[in-house]
Protein backbone atom coordinates (compact mmCIF):
# COMPACT_ATOMS: atom_id res chain seq x y z
CA MET A 1 -28.72 -147.47 68.97
CA LEU A 2 -25.60 -145.83 68.42
CA GLU A 3 -22.92 -148.60 68.99
CA ILE A 4 -19.38 -147.31 69.49
CA SER A 5 -17.18 -150.40 69.61
CA SER A 6 -13.80 -148.60 68.43
CA ARG A 7 -11.70 -146.15 69.61
CA CYS A 8 -13.91 -142.52 68.61
CA HIS A 9 -14.49 -139.17 69.64
CA ILE A 10 -18.26 -138.14 70.38
CA ALA A 11 -19.44 -134.51 70.31
CA PHE A 12 -22.55 -132.46 70.08
CA SER A 13 -23.64 -130.28 67.69
CA GLY A 14 -27.01 -128.70 65.59
CA ASN A 15 -28.89 -131.85 67.01
CA ARG A 16 -26.66 -134.68 65.62
CA PHE A 17 -24.59 -136.61 67.18
CA ALA A 18 -20.65 -135.96 65.46
CA ILE A 19 -18.72 -139.42 65.75
CA GLU A 20 -14.93 -139.49 64.39
CA ARG A 21 -13.28 -142.22 64.11
CA ARG A 22 -9.68 -142.29 65.34
CA ASP A 23 -8.14 -145.26 63.69
CA ASP A 24 -8.57 -143.75 60.40
CA ASN A 25 -10.14 -140.34 61.24
CA ALA A 26 -13.02 -140.64 59.48
CA GLN A 27 -16.35 -138.65 60.72
CA PHE A 28 -19.87 -139.46 60.50
CA GLU A 29 -23.08 -137.77 62.02
CA VAL A 30 -26.70 -139.39 63.62
CA PRO A 31 -29.39 -137.29 63.99
CA CYS A 32 -29.98 -137.34 67.81
CA ASP A 33 -33.94 -138.65 67.06
CA ASP A 34 -32.63 -141.55 65.38
CA VAL A 35 -30.87 -142.80 68.16
CA LEU A 36 -32.76 -145.33 71.10
CA VAL A 37 -29.65 -146.11 73.25
CA ILE A 38 -26.20 -144.94 73.17
CA MET A 39 -24.05 -148.13 73.87
CA LEU A 40 -20.08 -147.48 74.75
CA GLU A 41 -17.90 -150.85 74.10
CA SER A 42 -15.29 -149.15 73.55
CA GLU A 43 -12.80 -148.43 76.74
CA GLN A 44 -10.75 -145.61 74.57
CA SER A 45 -13.75 -143.70 73.16
CA THR A 46 -14.87 -140.31 74.38
CA VAL A 47 -17.87 -138.82 75.40
CA THR A 48 -18.24 -134.55 75.74
CA SER A 49 -20.41 -133.42 78.19
CA ALA A 50 -22.59 -132.31 75.69
CA VAL A 51 -23.58 -135.68 74.63
CA LEU A 52 -24.54 -136.53 78.25
CA ALA A 53 -26.60 -133.35 78.44
CA ALA A 54 -28.11 -133.93 75.32
CA CYS A 55 -29.05 -137.66 76.13
CA ALA A 56 -30.89 -136.15 79.16
CA GLU A 57 -32.33 -134.42 77.76
CA ARG A 58 -33.57 -136.90 74.92
CA ALA A 59 -34.04 -139.87 77.34
CA ILE A 60 -31.44 -141.17 75.34
CA PRO A 61 -30.04 -144.09 77.76
CA VAL A 62 -26.01 -144.60 78.03
CA VAL A 63 -24.68 -147.73 78.37
CA VAL A 64 -21.10 -148.35 79.08
CA CYS A 65 -18.98 -151.03 79.16
CA ARG A 66 -16.10 -152.35 80.31
CA LYS A 67 -14.64 -156.24 78.54
CA HIS A 68 -17.53 -156.16 76.23
CA LEU A 69 -20.50 -156.00 79.10
CA PRO A 70 -22.88 -153.48 80.91
CA VAL A 71 -21.07 -151.99 83.93
CA GLY A 72 -23.78 -148.39 84.35
CA MET A 73 -26.36 -146.74 82.66
CA SER A 74 -27.59 -142.79 82.88
CA LEU A 75 -30.87 -142.07 82.68
CA PRO A 76 -32.00 -138.47 82.84
CA LEU A 77 -33.16 -137.03 86.10
CA ASP A 78 -36.13 -135.47 85.42
CA ALA A 79 -37.76 -136.29 81.72
CA SER A 80 -41.56 -135.43 82.77
CA TRP A 81 -42.89 -132.42 84.38
CA ASN A 82 -44.88 -133.99 86.72
CA ALA A 83 -42.15 -136.64 87.75
CA ALA A 84 -42.33 -135.34 91.25
CA GLU A 85 -46.00 -136.17 91.56
CA VAL A 86 -45.65 -139.18 89.98
CA ARG A 87 -42.36 -140.94 92.79
CA ARG A 88 -45.23 -139.82 95.67
CA LEU A 89 -47.37 -142.10 93.74
CA GLN A 90 -45.15 -145.20 93.47
CA SER A 91 -43.82 -144.52 97.41
CA HIS A 92 -47.56 -145.14 98.17
CA ALA A 93 -47.91 -147.61 96.26
CA LEU A 94 -44.65 -149.64 97.41
CA ARG A 95 -46.48 -149.25 101.03
CA GLY A 96 -49.81 -150.84 99.79
CA GLU A 97 -47.24 -154.28 100.07
CA ALA A 98 -50.72 -156.17 99.15
CA ALA A 99 -51.33 -154.46 95.38
CA ALA A 100 -47.34 -154.81 94.80
CA ARG A 101 -47.47 -158.26 95.58
CA ARG A 102 -50.28 -158.96 93.34
CA LEU A 103 -47.86 -156.93 90.54
CA TRP A 104 -44.72 -159.29 91.26
CA ARG A 105 -47.40 -162.42 91.29
CA ARG A 106 -48.59 -161.66 87.65
CA THR A 107 -45.13 -160.79 86.58
CA VAL A 108 -43.28 -163.67 87.57
CA ARG A 109 -46.26 -165.46 85.49
CA ALA A 110 -45.34 -163.71 82.13
CA LYS A 111 -42.01 -164.05 82.73
CA ILE A 112 -42.41 -168.37 83.13
CA PHE A 113 -45.36 -168.15 80.10
CA ALA A 114 -43.12 -166.67 77.64
CA GLN A 115 -40.11 -168.92 78.71
CA ALA A 116 -42.53 -171.14 77.83
CA GLY A 117 -43.28 -170.35 74.80
CA ALA A 118 -39.67 -169.39 74.12
CA LEU A 119 -38.76 -173.48 74.46
CA ASP A 120 -41.72 -174.34 71.93
CA MET A 121 -40.51 -172.23 69.34
CA ILE A 122 -37.44 -173.82 69.27
CA GLY A 123 -38.67 -177.33 69.27
CA ALA A 124 -37.73 -177.88 72.96
CA GLY A 125 -38.76 -179.97 75.99
CA ALA A 126 -40.63 -179.13 79.64
CA VAL A 127 -43.13 -176.55 77.31
CA ALA A 128 -46.09 -177.92 79.45
CA ARG A 129 -44.71 -178.02 82.55
CA LEU A 130 -43.72 -174.59 82.64
CA LYS A 131 -47.34 -173.92 81.79
CA ARG A 132 -47.81 -175.45 84.92
CA LEU A 133 -45.39 -174.28 87.07
CA ALA A 134 -47.19 -170.52 85.70
CA ASP A 135 -49.88 -171.60 87.13
CA SER A 136 -49.21 -172.47 90.39
CA VAL A 137 -47.43 -169.33 90.89
CA ARG A 138 -48.89 -167.47 94.32
CA LEU A 139 -48.46 -164.30 96.88
CA ASP A 140 -46.21 -165.93 98.67
CA GLY A 141 -43.36 -168.10 96.94
CA ALA A 142 -42.92 -166.60 94.00
CA GLU A 143 -39.61 -166.53 93.67
CA THR A 144 -39.10 -170.43 94.71
CA VAL A 145 -41.25 -171.21 91.41
CA GLU A 146 -39.39 -168.74 88.93
CA ALA A 147 -36.14 -170.70 90.63
CA GLN A 148 -37.53 -173.56 89.77
CA ALA A 149 -39.08 -173.32 86.45
CA ALA A 150 -35.43 -171.02 85.48
CA ALA A 151 -33.58 -174.41 86.31
CA ILE A 152 -35.51 -176.03 83.83
CA TYR A 153 -36.08 -173.28 80.99
CA TRP A 154 -32.15 -173.23 80.96
CA ARG A 155 -30.83 -177.05 80.71
CA GLU A 156 -34.05 -177.16 78.03
CA LEU A 157 -32.88 -173.87 75.82
CA LEU A 158 -29.30 -173.93 76.00
CA VAL A 159 -27.64 -177.07 76.09
CA GLY A 160 -24.17 -177.35 78.70
CA PHE A 161 -25.44 -173.67 79.72
CA GLU A 162 -24.37 -171.95 82.55
CA ARG A 163 -25.47 -168.49 83.66
CA GLN A 164 -22.68 -167.79 85.57
CA ASN A 165 -20.17 -169.03 83.10
CA GLU A 166 -18.67 -166.05 81.88
CA GLY A 167 -16.26 -167.73 79.33
CA ASP A 168 -19.51 -168.53 77.53
CA PRO A 169 -19.96 -166.48 74.56
CA ARG A 170 -23.78 -167.12 75.20
CA ASN A 171 -23.83 -165.33 78.14
CA GLY A 172 -22.38 -161.74 76.94
CA ILE A 173 -24.00 -161.84 74.08
CA LEU A 174 -27.08 -162.47 76.36
CA ASN A 175 -25.85 -159.61 79.06
CA TRP A 176 -25.30 -157.32 75.68
CA GLY A 177 -29.57 -157.58 75.03
CA TYR A 178 -30.49 -157.07 78.64
CA ALA A 179 -28.80 -154.18 78.55
CA VAL A 180 -30.28 -152.95 76.27
CA LEU A 181 -34.06 -154.18 77.11
CA LEU A 182 -33.06 -152.38 80.30
CA ALA A 183 -32.04 -149.33 78.72
CA SER A 184 -35.86 -149.46 76.21
CA ILE A 185 -37.77 -149.63 79.34
CA GLY A 186 -35.66 -147.64 81.91
CA ARG A 187 -36.07 -144.85 78.83
CA ALA A 188 -39.91 -144.96 78.93
CA LEU A 189 -40.26 -145.01 82.74
CA THR A 190 -38.62 -141.85 82.66
CA SER A 191 -40.58 -140.53 79.87
CA LEU A 192 -43.83 -140.49 82.15
CA GLY A 193 -41.77 -138.92 84.80
CA LEU A 194 -41.13 -142.30 87.40
CA ASP A 195 -38.19 -143.39 89.11
CA PRO A 196 -37.02 -147.03 88.22
CA ALA A 197 -35.36 -146.95 91.40
CA LEU A 198 -38.89 -147.81 93.03
CA GLY A 199 -39.36 -151.38 92.26
CA PHE A 200 -41.74 -153.29 93.66
CA GLY A 201 -40.40 -157.35 93.62
CA HIS A 202 -36.71 -156.54 93.01
CA SER A 203 -34.89 -155.02 96.60
CA GLY A 204 -31.65 -153.84 97.65
CA GLN A 205 -30.59 -150.76 98.16
CA SER A 206 -27.58 -150.35 96.04
CA ASN A 207 -30.28 -151.28 93.01
CA SER A 208 -31.08 -147.82 91.53
CA TRP A 209 -33.25 -149.60 89.13
CA ALA A 210 -35.00 -152.04 90.75
CA LEU A 211 -38.41 -150.79 88.42
CA ALA A 212 -37.41 -151.20 85.31
CA CYS A 213 -35.65 -154.94 86.21
CA ASP A 214 -39.41 -155.67 87.68
CA LEU A 215 -41.19 -154.79 83.98
CA MET A 216 -38.38 -156.58 82.12
CA GLU A 217 -38.48 -160.01 83.59
CA PRO A 218 -41.51 -160.83 80.80
CA TYR A 219 -39.13 -159.44 78.50
CA ARG A 220 -35.83 -161.54 79.25
CA PRO A 221 -36.89 -165.23 76.62
CA SER A 222 -37.29 -162.82 73.85
CA ILE A 223 -33.87 -162.54 74.15
CA ASP A 224 -32.73 -165.39 75.40
CA ARG A 225 -34.70 -167.09 71.84
CA LEU A 226 -32.79 -165.00 69.76
CA VAL A 227 -29.84 -166.27 71.62
CA ALA A 228 -30.51 -170.32 71.71
CA ASP A 229 -31.84 -170.00 67.90
CA ALA A 230 -27.88 -167.89 67.20
CA GLY A 231 -26.81 -170.68 68.39
CA ARG A 232 -28.16 -173.62 66.74
CA GLY A 233 -27.33 -171.36 63.86
CA GLY A 234 -24.17 -171.24 64.80
CA LEU A 235 -23.77 -167.63 64.23
CA PHE A 236 -21.25 -166.92 67.31
CA SER A 237 -18.53 -166.48 64.82
CA ASP A 238 -19.90 -163.50 63.87
CA PRO A 239 -21.33 -161.78 67.03
CA LYS A 240 -22.82 -158.17 65.29
CA ILE A 241 -25.59 -160.56 63.75
CA VAL A 242 -26.73 -161.87 66.83
CA LYS A 243 -26.73 -158.29 67.78
CA ALA A 244 -28.27 -157.18 64.71
CA ASN A 245 -31.62 -159.64 65.45
CA ILE A 246 -31.94 -158.08 68.87
CA LEU A 247 -31.54 -154.59 67.83
CA ALA A 248 -34.62 -155.03 65.21
CA LEU A 249 -37.02 -156.10 68.44
CA PHE A 250 -35.98 -152.25 69.79
CA ALA A 251 -36.06 -150.77 66.38
CA LEU A 252 -38.70 -148.04 66.03
CA ASP A 253 -40.94 -150.14 64.31
CA GLY A 254 -40.42 -153.07 66.24
CA PRO A 255 -42.56 -155.06 68.61
CA ALA A 256 -40.34 -154.61 72.00
CA LYS A 257 -40.82 -150.91 71.45
CA SER A 258 -44.45 -150.50 71.10
CA GLN A 259 -45.13 -153.27 73.97
CA ILE A 260 -43.10 -151.47 76.43
CA VAL A 261 -44.53 -148.69 76.38
CA GLU A 262 -48.13 -150.57 76.61
CA THR A 263 -46.41 -151.95 79.50
CA VAL A 264 -45.39 -148.87 80.71
CA ARG A 265 -47.99 -147.10 80.72
CA GLY A 266 -50.19 -149.73 82.52
CA TYR A 267 -47.96 -149.53 85.32
CA ARG A 268 -48.52 -145.73 85.36
CA GLU A 269 -52.36 -146.32 85.46
CA PHE A 270 -51.95 -149.46 88.14
CA LEU A 271 -50.35 -146.39 91.00
CA ASP A 272 -53.61 -144.79 90.31
CA HIS A 273 -56.08 -147.96 90.96
CA GLY A 274 -53.45 -150.30 92.48
CA ASN A 275 -55.00 -153.25 89.84
CA GLU A 276 -52.78 -155.18 88.59
CA SER A 277 -54.29 -156.25 85.60
CA ARG A 278 -54.38 -153.67 83.61
CA VAL A 279 -50.15 -153.62 83.16
CA PRO A 280 -50.09 -155.84 80.26
CA TYR A 281 -47.15 -158.22 79.64
CA PRO A 282 -46.10 -160.39 76.20
CA ASP A 283 -46.98 -163.93 77.58
CA ARG A 284 -44.43 -164.99 74.36
CA PRO A 285 -41.42 -163.95 72.77
CA LEU A 286 -41.75 -160.83 70.63
CA VAL A 287 -40.59 -161.72 67.13
CA ALA A 288 -39.06 -158.67 64.77
């Protein structure tokens, strides 16, 4: 990932991103093939339109931050030759409400099992209770069980934690990690011509990333566990270490990259066959 956290200017030339750091005029280049995501953390950074076009052509997400929190993301309109056909398939699958509901149940169950795995990995309690909740997810009321599991999960995972507390540095790191995860799934979706806005679980006309939000749910505990480990290890004094640990999941040889590709490919098969079991999810946090 290319993270811009200081005042920089980014240009594009010869299949490389050319970066000039304004504070000391240092210059360096990064090959496009080495970049999974561009994260613009500095509000004083500038980017040429050639950079944005190059990212769109290569399906490289560009995530924009404000006050170090992600607020926007760009992805290509058409990264696959059959994008229009695939989008028609997506719309047809969503009209078959029963198939969409079955896949959402599978997604929520996988997320809760992964949450139980995260608690198990750090030696916390309530693991068996979360697994029982995962087994109890039905076609109707999945959101209620998901909320019950979340209340138990966060209480056990992070001491004194509230997800809505913006002043808690753990929330900032979680949001940062989720943004990398969302961008990675969005990139995989667009590479197969899938529209990230056509989701099967998340709804709302204002959500342009509904499908990416759906498929990322069982991956969230992989980020959560690293943040919990960082808190126990006293690493929040140096957020760069925590971010590096998160990025290791999404490296070219990292476990998240290959698993996300398999999940997205499985969703593409689901559109053809309506069989939710074709969508593979992790049922435990991924470990780099």
